Structures are given as C-alpha cells and as structure tokens.
Amino acid sequence: MSLILLKPGKYGESTLVDMLCTEAQKRDYHKRERFTGTRQRTAFHNTLSKYCEFEQIHDLDQKQYKIKKVFEFPRTLGLV
C-alpha cells in the first residue's frame, strides 16, 4: 500500500478514490465516474474515516469532501 498524504482542505471525490481505494474500486469508480450503490459509498466512507474526520460537501456539479482533521495514525473500524 502506498503512503497516503492527506492534509486538511477540500478534495474532489475522484482524488480521494485514487488515494484510498483498491485498483478494482478505482477502475469501477472511474468507469462510471460515481459510486454505483450505497454499499460502495459506505465502504469508501469507512475507509476515509480511518484516516481523517471529514464532511461531504453537497454541490450539484462537484462531489467534494472537506477534510477537517487528519489522524496521526490510521484508526481501526472499531474506533471509528
């Protein structure tokens, strides 16, 4: 797994997918330019929540996330 360099700020959903997801997840996401179901989006949010506190920004044109706080070490899902 590659090093994940997150900093507080705004990120596009596509950028975060490229940083955090597996190759199969990336391929599926970029094929449709969106998550195809709630299960995929939930898995993505669970992965993202291991690394940071975030807020999804609801905008009609762009899918963005605001990273509020980045954790020093990734958390386990039991602590999320």
N, C-alpha and C. Protein backbone atom coordinates (compact mmCIF):
# COMPACT_ATOMS: atom_id res chain seq x y z
N MET A 1 0.83 -1.18 0.00
CA MET A 1 0.00 0.00 0.00
C MET A 1 0.88 1.24 0.00
N SER A 2 0.47 2.22 -0.75
CA SER A 2 1.27 3.42 -0.85
C SER A 2 0.99 4.36 0.32
N LEU A 3 1.88 5.30 0.49
CA LEU A 3 1.75 6.29 1.55
C LEU A 3 0.60 7.24 1.23
N ILE A 4 -0.25 7.50 2.19
CA ILE A 4 -1.40 8.37 2.00
C ILE A 4 -1.09 9.71 2.64
N LEU A 5 -1.03 10.74 1.82
CA LEU A 5 -0.69 12.07 2.30
C LEU A 5 -1.92 12.97 2.24
N LEU A 6 -2.66 12.99 3.31
CA LEU A 6 -3.83 13.85 3.42
C LEU A 6 -3.50 15.05 4.27
N LYS A 7 -4.05 16.18 3.89
CA LYS A 7 -3.93 17.40 4.69
C LYS A 7 -5.32 18.01 4.78
N PRO A 8 -5.58 18.78 5.82
CA PRO A 8 -6.89 19.44 5.89
C PRO A 8 -7.12 20.31 4.66
N GLY A 9 -8.34 20.30 4.17
CA GLY A 9 -8.69 21.08 2.99
C GLY A 9 -9.78 20.40 2.20
N LYS A 10 -10.05 20.91 1.00
CA LYS A 10 -11.09 20.35 0.14
C LYS A 10 -10.45 19.43 -0.89
N TYR A 11 -11.11 18.28 -1.12
CA TYR A 11 -10.66 17.31 -2.10
C TYR A 11 -11.85 16.87 -2.94
N GLY A 12 -11.61 16.63 -4.19
CA GLY A 12 -12.63 16.02 -5.03
C GLY A 12 -12.75 14.55 -4.72
N GLU A 13 -13.93 14.00 -4.91
CA GLU A 13 -14.16 12.59 -4.62
C GLU A 13 -13.22 11.71 -5.44
N SER A 14 -13.02 12.06 -6.70
CA SER A 14 -12.15 11.29 -7.57
C SER A 14 -10.71 11.23 -7.04
N THR A 15 -10.23 12.33 -6.52
CA THR A 15 -8.88 12.39 -5.95
C THR A 15 -8.76 11.46 -4.75
N LEU A 16 -9.75 11.49 -3.88
CA LEU A 16 -9.72 10.63 -2.70
C LEU A 16 -9.84 9.16 -3.07
N VAL A 17 -10.64 8.85 -4.08
CA VAL A 17 -10.75 7.47 -4.56
C VAL A 17 -9.38 6.99 -5.02
N ASP A 18 -8.67 7.82 -5.78
CA ASP A 18 -7.33 7.45 -6.25
C ASP A 18 -6.34 7.25 -5.11
N MET A 19 -6.51 7.99 -4.03
CA MET A 19 -5.60 7.89 -2.89
C MET A 19 -5.87 6.67 -2.01
N LEU A 20 -7.16 6.29 -1.86
CA LEU A 20 -7.53 5.34 -0.81
C LEU A 20 -8.03 3.98 -1.28
N CYS A 21 -8.55 3.90 -2.47
CA CYS A 21 -9.25 2.68 -2.89
C CYS A 21 -8.32 1.67 -3.54
N THR A 22 -8.81 0.43 -3.61
CA THR A 22 -8.07 -0.62 -4.29
C THR A 22 -8.15 -0.39 -5.80
N GLU A 23 -7.32 -1.12 -6.55
CA GLU A 23 -7.31 -0.97 -8.00
C GLU A 23 -8.67 -1.30 -8.61
N ALA A 24 -9.32 -2.35 -8.12
CA ALA A 24 -10.63 -2.73 -8.63
C ALA A 24 -11.67 -1.65 -8.34
N GLN A 25 -11.62 -1.07 -7.15
CA GLN A 25 -12.56 0.00 -6.80
C GLN A 25 -12.31 1.24 -7.66
N LYS A 26 -11.05 1.57 -7.87
CA LYS A 26 -10.71 2.72 -8.73
C LYS A 26 -11.23 2.51 -10.14
N ARG A 27 -11.00 1.33 -10.68
CA ARG A 27 -11.42 1.01 -12.05
C ARG A 27 -12.94 1.14 -12.19
N ASP A 28 -13.67 0.60 -11.22
CA ASP A 28 -15.13 0.66 -11.26
C ASP A 28 -15.63 2.09 -11.10
N TYR A 29 -15.02 2.85 -10.20
CA TYR A 29 -15.44 4.23 -9.98
C TYR A 29 -15.20 5.08 -11.23
N HIS A 30 -14.03 4.98 -11.81
CA HIS A 30 -13.68 5.82 -12.97
C HIS A 30 -14.45 5.40 -14.24
N LYS A 31 -14.87 4.17 -14.29
CA LYS A 31 -15.67 3.71 -15.43
C LYS A 31 -17.00 4.46 -15.47
N ARG A 32 -17.57 4.71 -14.30
CA ARG A 32 -18.88 5.37 -14.22
C ARG A 32 -18.81 6.80 -13.69
N GLU A 33 -17.64 7.18 -13.16
CA GLU A 33 -17.43 8.48 -12.52
C GLU A 33 -18.35 8.72 -11.33
N ARG A 34 -18.72 7.63 -10.67
CA ARG A 34 -19.53 7.71 -9.46
C ARG A 34 -19.54 6.34 -8.80
N PHE A 35 -20.01 6.28 -7.57
CA PHE A 35 -20.24 5.00 -6.91
C PHE A 35 -21.57 4.48 -7.40
N THR A 36 -21.63 3.19 -7.68
CA THR A 36 -22.85 2.63 -8.26
C THR A 36 -23.91 2.30 -7.21
N GLY A 37 -23.54 2.23 -5.96
CA GLY A 37 -24.51 1.89 -4.94
C GLY A 37 -24.10 2.40 -3.57
N THR A 38 -25.02 2.28 -2.64
CA THR A 38 -24.74 2.76 -1.29
C THR A 38 -23.69 1.90 -0.59
N ARG A 39 -23.59 0.64 -0.94
CA ARG A 39 -22.59 -0.23 -0.32
C ARG A 39 -21.18 0.24 -0.67
N GLN A 40 -20.96 0.62 -1.92
CA GLN A 40 -19.65 1.13 -2.32
C GLN A 40 -19.33 2.46 -1.64
N ARG A 41 -20.32 3.34 -1.58
CA ARG A 41 -20.11 4.64 -0.94
C ARG A 41 -19.84 4.46 0.56
N THR A 42 -20.56 3.56 1.20
CA THR A 42 -20.35 3.29 2.62
C THR A 42 -18.96 2.74 2.88
N ALA A 43 -18.50 1.84 2.04
CA ALA A 43 -17.15 1.28 2.17
C ALA A 43 -16.10 2.39 2.00
N PHE A 44 -16.33 3.28 1.04
CA PHE A 44 -15.41 4.40 0.83
C PHE A 44 -15.39 5.31 2.06
N HIS A 45 -16.56 5.63 2.61
CA HIS A 45 -16.62 6.49 3.79
C HIS A 45 -15.96 5.82 4.99
N ASN A 46 -16.13 4.51 5.13
CA ASN A 46 -15.47 3.79 6.22
C ASN A 46 -13.95 3.86 6.09
N THR A 47 -13.46 3.70 4.88
CA THR A 47 -12.01 3.78 4.65
C THR A 47 -11.51 5.19 4.92
N LEU A 48 -12.22 6.18 4.43
CA LEU A 48 -11.82 7.57 4.64
C LEU A 48 -11.82 7.93 6.12
N SER A 49 -12.79 7.42 6.87
CA SER A 49 -12.88 7.74 8.29
C SER A 49 -11.76 7.11 9.12
N LYS A 50 -11.04 6.17 8.56
CA LYS A 50 -9.86 5.62 9.24
C LYS A 50 -8.74 6.65 9.30
N TYR A 51 -8.70 7.53 8.31
CA TYR A 51 -7.58 8.46 8.16
C TYR A 51 -7.88 9.88 8.61
N CYS A 52 -9.16 10.26 8.66
CA CYS A 52 -9.46 11.66 8.94
C CYS A 52 -10.91 11.85 9.36
N GLU A 53 -11.18 13.04 9.88
CA GLU A 53 -12.55 13.50 10.08
C GLU A 53 -12.89 14.30 8.83
N PHE A 54 -14.07 14.03 8.27
CA PHE A 54 -14.42 14.68 7.00
C PHE A 54 -15.88 15.08 6.99
N GLU A 55 -16.18 15.94 6.05
CA GLU A 55 -17.55 16.38 5.81
C GLU A 55 -17.78 16.35 4.31
N GLN A 56 -18.88 15.74 3.90
CA GLN A 56 -19.21 15.71 2.48
C GLN A 56 -19.88 17.02 2.11
N ILE A 57 -19.40 17.66 1.05
CA ILE A 57 -19.96 18.92 0.58
C ILE A 57 -20.94 18.61 -0.52
N HIS A 58 -22.18 18.97 -0.30
CA HIS A 58 -23.23 18.69 -1.28
C HIS A 58 -23.31 19.84 -2.28
N ASP A 59 -22.95 19.54 -3.50
CA ASP A 59 -22.98 20.51 -4.58
C ASP A 59 -23.54 19.80 -5.80
N LEU A 60 -24.28 20.49 -6.62
CA LEU A 60 -24.90 19.86 -7.77
C LEU A 60 -23.89 19.36 -8.80
N ASP A 61 -22.84 20.10 -9.02
CA ASP A 61 -21.90 19.76 -10.08
C ASP A 61 -20.71 18.93 -9.61
N GLN A 62 -20.21 19.21 -8.42
CA GLN A 62 -18.98 18.57 -7.98
C GLN A 62 -19.20 17.78 -6.71
N LYS A 63 -18.54 16.64 -6.64
CA LYS A 63 -18.58 15.82 -5.43
C LYS A 63 -17.30 16.11 -4.66
N GLN A 64 -17.41 16.82 -3.56
CA GLN A 64 -16.23 17.21 -2.81
C GLN A 64 -16.37 16.84 -1.34
N TYR A 65 -15.22 16.75 -0.70
CA TYR A 65 -15.15 16.46 0.72
C TYR A 65 -14.23 17.48 1.37
N LYS A 66 -14.61 17.89 2.56
CA LYS A 66 -13.77 18.79 3.35
C LYS A 66 -13.11 17.95 4.43
N ILE A 67 -11.80 17.87 4.39
CA ILE A 67 -11.03 17.14 5.40
C ILE A 67 -10.79 18.10 6.55
N LYS A 68 -11.34 17.77 7.72
CA LYS A 68 -11.24 18.65 8.87
C LYS A 68 -10.00 18.38 9.71
N LYS A 69 -9.76 17.10 9.99
CA LYS A 69 -8.65 16.71 10.85
C LYS A 69 -8.08 15.40 10.34
N VAL A 70 -6.78 15.35 10.19
CA VAL A 70 -6.10 14.13 9.74
C VAL A 70 -5.49 13.47 10.97
N PHE A 71 -5.74 12.17 11.12
CA PHE A 71 -5.20 11.44 12.26
C PHE A 71 -3.73 11.11 12.03
N GLU A 72 -2.97 11.10 13.12
CA GLU A 72 -1.55 10.79 13.03
C GLU A 72 -1.32 9.35 12.55
N PHE A 73 -2.16 8.44 13.04
CA PHE A 73 -2.10 7.04 12.64
C PHE A 73 -3.50 6.60 12.20
N PRO A 74 -3.58 5.73 11.21
CA PRO A 74 -4.92 5.24 10.80
C PRO A 74 -5.63 4.53 11.95
N ARG A 75 -6.92 4.78 12.07
CA ARG A 75 -7.72 4.15 13.11
C ARG A 75 -8.33 2.88 12.58
N THR A 76 -8.66 1.98 13.48
CA THR A 76 -9.36 0.76 13.08
C THR A 76 -10.85 1.06 13.05
N LEU A 77 -11.62 0.24 12.35
CA LEU A 77 -13.05 0.47 12.26
C LEU A 77 -13.74 0.36 13.61
N GLY A 78 -13.14 -0.36 14.54
CA GLY A 78 -13.72 -0.47 15.87
C GLY A 78 -13.69 0.85 16.62
N LEU A 79 -12.75 1.71 16.29
CA LEU A 79 -12.62 3.01 16.95
C LEU A 79 -13.35 4.12 16.22
N VAL A 80 -13.82 3.84 15.01
CA VAL A 80 -14.45 4.88 14.19
C VAL A 80 -15.84 5.16 14.68
